[in-house]
Amino acid sequence: MKRILLLISFLFFSITSFAYPYKELIFFGDSLSDNGNLYRIDFHTLPKSPPYFEGRFSNGPTWAEYIGQYYAEHYKAKYKIYALGGAAILFQPLKQDLINPSTLNVQINQYFLESSAGAKEDVLYAIWIGGNDYLFDISSDADKLTTKVIDKLSEDLLRLINRGAKHLLILNLPDLSNTPYARNGRPLERLALLSRVHNEKLAKAIAKLNKDHKGVDIALFDIYALFNEAIHNPDVFNRRYNTNVKNTQDACWQGGFNLDEATGFHAISKELHMTWRQQTTQPAITVDAMSEMLANSPALLQSYQLGELFAQGIVPCNHPDEFAFWDDVHPSAIVHKVLALIIEDSLNA
């Protein structure tokens, strides 16, 4: 017990200066924070609800929603989530030239279009992104790839700072080798290396930004350490947060990962054609472009597959709150809720 409390105290230490009744919270990221944005864009094609919860990539609200709602209730703060499933830090061009997959840069651009200019002393920017830059890369040089990712992330953070951002909360990456996706035959050692090197370079980049920009607080929340501790010692968190997580190795959803990119593209494309023809307002992208974006991400492709399995009568585990993972790459709702509680505690410390 002492070990985990010391760990949590250490995690909280880096953001104790954030104890502040923010008037607005802005969230950027990927499917770990997406509150239904992709679901709305693709006309409810992915992720299917059910089995996913109202377009979230889990079986309940995300950590970002819990924190946003907490500040709305306690401080009457506004919050907006720009996170989108499949988003990455680096731009990853697809074969189709008619769509750009979402990146942190794209989300920041959208925020700039919707927000007023000027200082943002009362705004907290929370960013959790990067897994999609690594999960499915099998050949890039690890040192070069992580440097490229962190350099681009630093550039994106600097854009926010130059537009008046004063408070930024950055979540680093969990150990991607601890996901069920990785344990199901993926390169464990490579994913472990990429996660570790990314986080080491991220910490140095944030330290440099803090040093170079006085009056700006960029805090790093150590998800890597927290998730590793939770996976190996779930009972400590169960006692502390009155939860009952028993399985930290497997996904609540079983059945494997069967759709390849080509098969997934055709299946998604067929459904999108049928769905989009029924819409009175057509999106500014093509069906093929959207289908390729969804099929190119194994995380999104699996979400589509689970929706298909559910339609065929296959159901997830009976007690999802006993699982740390909902599917092969996404945490369960109970994990999102506990993570939000820990971050709320640290913000209010």
Protein backbone atom coordinates (compact mmCIF):
# COMPACT_ATOMS: atom_id res chain seq x y z
CA MET A 1 0.00 0.00 0.00
CA LYS A 2 2.79 2.38 0.87
CA ARG A 3 4.42 1.79 -2.51
CA ILE A 4 1.34 2.75 -4.51
CA LEU A 5 0.57 5.78 -2.34
CA LEU A 6 4.11 6.99 -2.84
CA LEU A 7 3.69 6.44 -6.56
CA ILE A 8 0.44 8.36 -6.69
CA SER A 9 1.89 11.14 -4.58
CA PHE A 10 4.78 11.36 -7.03
CA LEU A 11 2.38 11.48 -9.96
CA PHE A 12 0.40 14.25 -8.32
CA PHE A 13 3.48 16.29 -7.54
CA SER A 14 3.99 17.49 -11.09
CA ILE A 15 0.55 19.06 -11.33
CA THR A 16 -0.16 20.42 -7.86
CA SER A 17 0.34 23.94 -9.21
CA PHE A 18 -2.76 23.32 -11.33
CA ALA A 19 -5.18 23.69 -8.41
CA TYR A 20 -7.34 26.31 -10.04
CA PRO A 21 -11.08 26.76 -10.85
CA TYR A 22 -10.70 26.82 -14.63
CA LYS A 23 -13.47 28.45 -16.61
CA GLU A 24 -12.88 26.24 -19.64
CA LEU A 25 -11.28 22.88 -20.39
CA ILE A 26 -10.19 21.81 -23.87
CA PHE A 27 -9.34 18.19 -24.65
CA PHE A 28 -7.31 16.97 -27.64
CA GLY A 29 -6.53 13.36 -28.45
CA ASP A 30 -7.56 10.08 -30.04
CA SER A 31 -10.05 7.29 -29.30
CA LEU A 32 -9.00 7.24 -25.64
CA SER A 33 -10.72 10.62 -25.22
CA ASP A 34 -13.23 10.69 -28.10
CA ASN A 35 -16.74 11.36 -26.74
CA GLY A 36 -18.53 10.39 -29.95
CA ASN A 37 -16.93 12.77 -32.46
CA LEU A 38 -16.01 10.10 -35.01
CA TYR A 39 -19.39 8.45 -34.46
CA ARG A 40 -21.12 11.67 -35.48
CA ILE A 41 -18.88 12.27 -38.49
CA ASP A 42 -19.34 8.79 -39.97
CA PHE A 43 -23.12 8.76 -39.34
CA HIS A 44 -22.93 6.15 -36.58
CA THR A 45 -20.99 3.62 -38.62
CA LEU A 46 -18.16 3.29 -36.12
CA PRO A 47 -17.96 2.49 -33.30
CA LYS A 48 -21.33 0.73 -33.24
CA SER A 49 -23.58 1.56 -30.30
CA PRO A 50 -24.20 -1.00 -28.89
CA PRO A 51 -21.89 -2.69 -28.09
CA TYR A 52 -19.86 0.52 -27.66
CA PHE A 53 -21.43 3.22 -25.49
CA GLU A 54 -23.02 5.98 -27.56
CA GLY A 55 -20.06 6.27 -29.93
CA ARG A 56 -17.32 6.06 -27.31
CA PHE A 57 -14.53 3.53 -27.75
CA SER A 58 -15.46 1.90 -24.47
CA ASN A 59 -18.55 0.75 -22.59
CA GLY A 60 -19.11 4.11 -20.90
CA PRO A 61 -18.02 7.78 -20.83
CA THR A 62 -14.36 8.67 -21.22
CA TRP A 63 -12.05 10.14 -18.60
CA ALA A 64 -12.22 13.51 -20.39
CA GLU A 65 -16.01 13.64 -20.04
CA TYR A 66 -15.85 12.85 -16.33
CA ILE A 67 -13.35 15.65 -15.72
CA GLY A 68 -15.23 18.11 -17.92
CA GLN A 69 -18.49 17.36 -16.11
CA TYR A 70 -16.77 17.67 -12.72
CA TYR A 71 -15.58 21.18 -13.53
CA ALA A 72 -18.93 22.09 -15.03
CA GLU A 73 -20.74 21.04 -11.85
CA HIS A 74 -18.27 22.49 -9.32
CA TYR A 75 -17.02 25.61 -11.10
CA LYS A 76 -19.61 26.18 -13.87
CA ALA A 77 -16.80 25.70 -16.37
CA LYS A 78 -17.31 24.96 -20.04
CA TYR A 79 -15.53 22.10 -21.77
CA LYS A 80 -15.05 20.90 -25.32
CA ILE A 81 -13.56 17.62 -26.54
CA TYR A 82 -11.87 17.70 -29.95
CA ALA A 83 -10.41 14.19 -29.69
CA LEU A 84 -11.16 11.87 -32.59
CA GLY A 85 -10.77 8.11 -32.88
CA GLY A 86 -7.78 7.19 -35.04
CA ALA A 87 -5.99 10.52 -34.54
CA ALA A 88 -2.20 10.65 -34.38
CA ILE A 89 0.52 13.23 -33.89
CA LEU A 90 2.16 12.68 -37.27
CA PHE A 91 0.27 13.18 -40.50
CA GLN A 92 -0.13 9.78 -42.12
CA PRO A 93 -1.28 10.18 -45.72
CA LEU A 94 -3.65 7.60 -47.13
CA LYS A 95 -4.00 6.39 -50.70
CA GLN A 96 -7.02 8.62 -51.12
CA ASP A 97 -6.06 12.27 -51.56
CA LEU A 98 -9.46 13.60 -50.56
CA ILE A 99 -9.16 13.28 -46.79
CA ASN A 100 -6.58 13.98 -44.13
CA PRO A 101 -6.72 11.65 -41.15
CA SER A 102 -7.09 13.60 -37.94
CA THR A 103 -3.98 14.80 -36.17
CA LEU A 104 -3.36 16.91 -33.10
CA ASN A 105 -2.52 19.76 -35.45
CA VAL A 106 -5.89 19.42 -37.21
CA GLN A 107 -7.72 19.47 -33.88
CA ILE A 108 -5.83 22.57 -32.76
CA ASN A 109 -6.72 24.27 -36.02
CA GLN A 110 -10.38 23.49 -35.42
CA TYR A 111 -10.12 24.92 -31.91
CA PHE A 112 -8.50 28.11 -33.20
CA LEU A 113 -11.35 28.57 -35.67
CA GLU A 114 -13.94 28.23 -32.92
CA SER A 115 -12.26 30.23 -30.15
CA SER A 116 -11.57 33.89 -29.66
CA ALA A 117 -8.06 35.31 -29.73
CA GLY A 118 -6.19 36.50 -26.65
CA ALA A 119 -4.76 35.15 -23.42
CA LYS A 120 -6.16 31.95 -21.98
CA GLU A 121 -5.25 32.17 -18.30
CA ASP A 122 -8.46 30.42 -17.23
CA VAL A 123 -8.27 27.57 -19.76
CA LEU A 124 -6.79 24.13 -19.16
CA TYR A 125 -5.64 22.21 -22.25
CA ALA A 126 -5.48 18.44 -21.73
CA ILE A 127 -3.76 16.31 -24.35
CA TRP A 128 -3.49 12.52 -24.59
CA ILE A 129 -2.32 11.25 -27.96
CA GLY A 130 0.44 9.22 -29.60
CA GLY A 131 -0.55 5.57 -29.46
CA ASN A 132 -1.66 5.49 -33.09
CA ASP A 133 1.78 6.68 -34.15
CA TYR A 134 3.31 3.49 -32.75
CA LEU A 135 0.82 0.66 -32.25
CA PHE A 136 0.84 -0.47 -35.83
CA ASP A 137 4.33 0.53 -36.99
CA ILE A 138 6.51 -2.55 -37.41
CA SER A 139 9.56 -1.36 -39.30
CA SER A 140 10.53 2.27 -38.61
CA ASP A 141 13.72 3.07 -36.72
CA ALA A 142 12.52 3.53 -33.13
CA ASP A 143 14.85 6.42 -32.31
CA LYS A 144 14.06 8.34 -35.50
CA LEU A 145 10.32 7.71 -35.24
CA THR A 146 10.03 8.82 -31.61
CA THR A 147 12.13 11.92 -32.29
CA LYS A 148 9.89 12.83 -35.21
CA VAL A 149 6.76 12.34 -33.11
CA ILE A 150 8.03 14.37 -30.14
CA ASP A 151 9.33 17.16 -32.35
CA LYS A 152 5.90 17.49 -33.97
CA LEU A 153 4.14 17.35 -30.61
CA SER A 154 6.42 20.10 -29.29
CA GLU A 155 5.60 22.18 -32.36
CA ASP A 156 1.87 21.72 -31.73
CA LEU A 157 2.21 22.66 -28.06
CA LEU A 158 4.17 25.75 -29.03
CA ARG A 159 1.33 26.82 -31.31
CA LEU A 160 -1.03 26.73 -28.32
CA ILE A 161 1.44 28.65 -26.16
CA ASN A 162 1.90 31.31 -28.82
CA ARG A 163 -1.87 31.77 -28.91
CA GLY A 164 -2.06 32.42 -25.17
CA ALA A 165 -2.20 28.98 -23.52
CA LYS A 166 -0.89 29.11 -19.94
CA HIS A 167 -1.93 25.73 -18.49
CA LEU A 168 -1.35 22.46 -20.31
CA LEU A 169 -1.76 18.94 -18.98
CA ILE A 170 -0.01 16.25 -21.04
CA LEU A 171 -0.61 12.55 -20.46
CA ASN A 172 2.22 10.32 -21.60
CA LEU A 173 1.72 6.88 -23.13
CA PRO A 174 0.98 3.69 -21.23
CA ASP A 175 3.20 0.73 -21.97
CA LEU A 176 1.63 -0.39 -25.25
CA SER A 177 3.11 -3.87 -24.79
CA ASN A 178 0.68 -4.40 -21.89
CA THR A 179 -2.42 -4.19 -24.11
CA PRO A 180 -4.29 -7.36 -25.14
CA TYR A 181 -3.55 -6.29 -28.74
CA ALA A 182 0.17 -6.61 -28.07
CA ARG A 183 -0.16 -9.90 -26.21
CA ASN A 184 -2.07 -11.43 -29.13
CA GLY A 185 1.04 -12.06 -31.19
CA ARG A 186 2.30 -8.51 -31.72
CA PRO A 187 5.94 -7.41 -31.25
CA LEU A 188 5.98 -6.93 -27.48
CA GLU A 189 9.59 -5.82 -27.18
CA ARG A 190 9.21 -3.22 -29.93
CA LEU A 191 6.04 -1.75 -28.43
CA ALA A 192 7.69 -1.64 -25.00
CA LEU A 193 10.71 0.15 -26.47
CA LEU A 194 8.63 2.67 -28.40
CA SER A 195 6.52 3.48 -25.32
CA ARG A 196 9.54 3.95 -23.08
CA VAL A 197 11.61 6.04 -25.52
CA HIS A 198 8.60 8.21 -26.43
CA ASN A 199 7.97 9.00 -22.78
CA GLU A 200 11.63 9.75 -22.06
CA LYS A 201 11.81 12.21 -24.95
CA LEU A 202 8.41 13.68 -24.05
CA ALA A 203 9.59 14.47 -20.51
CA LYS A 204 12.67 16.26 -21.86
CA ALA A 205 10.62 18.19 -24.40
CA ILE A 206 8.16 19.40 -21.76
CA ALA A 207 11.00 20.40 -19.43
CA LYS A 208 12.52 22.48 -22.23
CA LEU A 209 9.22 24.17 -23.07
CA ASN A 210 8.67 25.02 -19.40
CA LYS A 211 12.19 26.47 -19.19
CA ASP A 212 11.83 28.50 -22.36
CA HIS A 213 8.37 29.90 -21.59
CA LYS A 214 8.11 31.49 -18.17
CA GLY A 215 4.60 31.86 -16.87
CA VAL A 216 3.43 28.75 -18.73
CA ASP A 217 2.74 25.55 -16.77
CA ILE A 218 3.06 22.36 -18.79
CA ALA A 219 2.44 19.41 -16.50
CA LEU A 220 3.17 15.79 -17.31
CA PHE A 221 0.89 13.11 -15.91
CA ASP A 222 2.68 9.76 -15.74
CA ILE A 223 0.12 7.37 -17.21
CA TYR A 224 2.94 4.91 -17.93
CA ALA A 225 3.77 4.38 -14.27
CA LEU A 226 0.16 4.51 -13.13
CA PHE A 227 -1.12 1.91 -15.60
CA ASN A 228 1.79 -0.43 -14.97
CA GLU A 229 1.04 -0.30 -11.26
CA ALA A 230 -2.67 -0.82 -11.85
CA ILE A 231 -2.08 -3.81 -14.13
CA HIS A 232 0.23 -5.52 -11.69
CA ASN A 233 -1.56 -4.48 -8.47
CA PRO A 234 -5.26 -3.97 -9.26
CA ASP A 235 -6.35 -4.77 -5.70
CA VAL A 236 -4.73 -1.58 -4.43
CA PHE A 237 -6.90 0.49 -6.75
CA ASN A 238 -9.94 -1.68 -6.03
CA ARG A 239 -9.68 -0.90 -2.33
CA ARG A 240 -9.01 2.78 -2.88
CA TYR A 241 -11.81 3.39 -5.42
CA ASN A 242 -14.28 0.65 -4.45
CA THR A 243 -13.90 -1.18 -7.76
CA ASN A 244 -13.64 -4.88 -8.59
CA VAL A 245 -11.20 -5.20 -11.50
CA LYS A 246 -9.93 -8.78 -11.66
CA ASN A 247 -8.63 -9.24 -15.20
CA THR A 248 -5.92 -6.85 -16.39
CA GLN A 249 -4.60 -9.07 -19.19
CA ASP A 250 -7.52 -9.88 -21.49
CA ALA A 251 -10.18 -7.83 -23.24
CA CYS A 252 -13.80 -8.09 -22.18
CA TRP A 253 -14.48 -8.83 -25.85
CA GLN A 254 -13.11 -12.18 -27.03
CA GLY A 255 -13.02 -13.65 -30.51
CA GLY A 256 -9.83 -12.45 -32.10
CA PHE A 257 -8.99 -9.92 -34.75
CA ASN A 258 -10.04 -11.32 -38.11
CA LEU A 259 -10.68 -8.54 -40.61
CA ASP A 260 -7.67 -7.51 -42.66
CA GLU A 261 -7.38 -4.03 -44.17
CA ALA A 262 -8.72 -4.97 -47.61
CA THR A 263 -11.70 -6.93 -46.28
CA GLY A 264 -12.44 -4.23 -43.76
CA PHE A 265 -12.31 -1.52 -46.41
CA HIS A 266 -14.91 -3.25 -48.57
CA ALA A 267 -17.18 -4.02 -45.62
CA ILE A 268 -17.04 -0.48 -44.25
CA SER A 269 -17.38 1.05 -47.72
CA LYS A 270 -20.51 -0.98 -48.41
CA GLU A 271 -22.13 0.11 -45.17
CA LEU A 272 -21.14 3.76 -45.60
CA HIS A 273 -22.61 3.83 -49.11
CA MET A 274 -25.91 2.52 -47.75
CA THR A 275 -25.92 4.86 -44.75
CA TRP A 276 -24.81 8.04 -46.48
CA ARG A 277 -27.39 7.72 -49.25
CA GLN A 278 -30.04 8.15 -46.57
CA GLN A 279 -28.59 11.45 -45.30
CA THR A 280 -30.03 14.79 -46.34
CA THR A 281 -26.66 16.48 -45.73
CA GLN A 282 -23.63 14.88 -47.33
CA PRO A 283 -20.15 15.14 -45.76
CA ALA A 284 -17.35 16.95 -47.53
CA ILE A 285 -15.42 13.69 -48.00
CA THR A 286 -15.95 10.61 -50.13
CA VAL A 287 -17.10 7.21 -48.94
CA ASP A 288 -13.89 5.60 -50.21
CA ALA A 289 -11.74 8.15 -48.38
CA MET A 290 -13.58 7.64 -45.09
CA SER A 291 -13.55 3.86 -45.54
CA GLU A 292 -9.81 3.87 -46.11
CA MET A 293 -9.19 5.98 -43.01
CA LEU A 294 -11.22 3.60 -40.85
CA ALA A 295 -9.77 0.42 -42.36
CA ASN A 296 -6.17 1.67 -42.09
CA SER A 297 -6.30 1.76 -38.30
CA PRO A 298 -6.46 -1.71 -36.73
CA ALA A 299 -7.90 -0.12 -33.58
CA LEU A 300 -10.80 1.34 -35.55
CA LEU A 301 -11.11 -1.75 -37.69
CA GLN A 302 -11.49 -3.93 -34.62
CA SER A 303 -14.18 -1.62 -33.30
CA TYR A 304 -16.05 -2.11 -36.56
CA GLN A 305 -15.62 -5.88 -36.32
CA LEU A 306 -17.00 -5.99 -32.78
CA GLY A 307 -20.05 -4.09 -33.94
CA GLU A 308 -20.59 -6.71 -36.64
CA LEU A 309 -20.19 -9.54 -34.14
CA PHE A 310 -22.72 -7.92 -31.82
CA ALA A 311 -25.21 -7.69 -34.69
CA GLN A 312 -24.77 -11.43 -35.18
CA GLY A 313 -25.69 -12.13 -31.57
CA ILE A 314 -22.21 -12.40 -30.07
CA VAL A 315 -21.94 -10.47 -26.81
CA PRO A 316 -19.06 -9.25 -24.63
CA CYS A 317 -18.19 -10.57 -21.17
CA ASN A 318 -20.90 -10.67 -18.50
CA HIS A 319 -19.08 -8.39 -16.05
CA PRO A 320 -17.14 -5.69 -17.96
CA ASP A 321 -16.31 -3.78 -14.76
CA GLU A 322 -14.08 -6.71 -13.82
CA PHE A 323 -11.90 -6.08 -16.88
CA ALA A 324 -9.31 -3.35 -17.34
CA PHE A 325 -9.74 -3.54 -21.13
CA TRP A 326 -12.98 -3.30 -23.08
CA ASP A 327 -11.42 -4.40 -26.39
CA ASP A 328 -7.85 -5.15 -27.43
CA VAL A 329 -6.64 -1.54 -27.20
CA HIS A 330 -9.22 0.52 -25.27
CA PRO A 331 -9.74 0.67 -21.49
CA SER A 332 -13.06 -0.26 -19.94
CA ALA A 333 -15.43 2.35 -18.53
CA ILE A 334 -14.39 1.65 -14.95
CA VAL A 335 -10.76 2.42 -15.83
CA HIS A 336 -11.80 5.71 -17.44
CA LYS A 337 -13.75 6.62 -14.31
CA VAL A 338 -10.88 5.83 -11.92
CA LEU A 339 -8.39 7.68 -14.11
CA ALA A 340 -10.65 10.74 -14.02
CA LEU A 341 -10.89 10.55 -10.23
CA ILE A 342 -7.10 10.40 -9.89
CA ILE A 343 -6.58 13.35 -12.22
CA GLU A 344 -9.33 15.35 -10.49
CA ASP A 345 -7.67 14.73 -7.14
CA SER A 346 -4.32 15.83 -8.50
CA LEU A 347 -5.74 18.97 -10.11
CA ASN A 348 -7.33 19.94 -6.81
CA ALA A 349 -4.35 19.07 -4.62
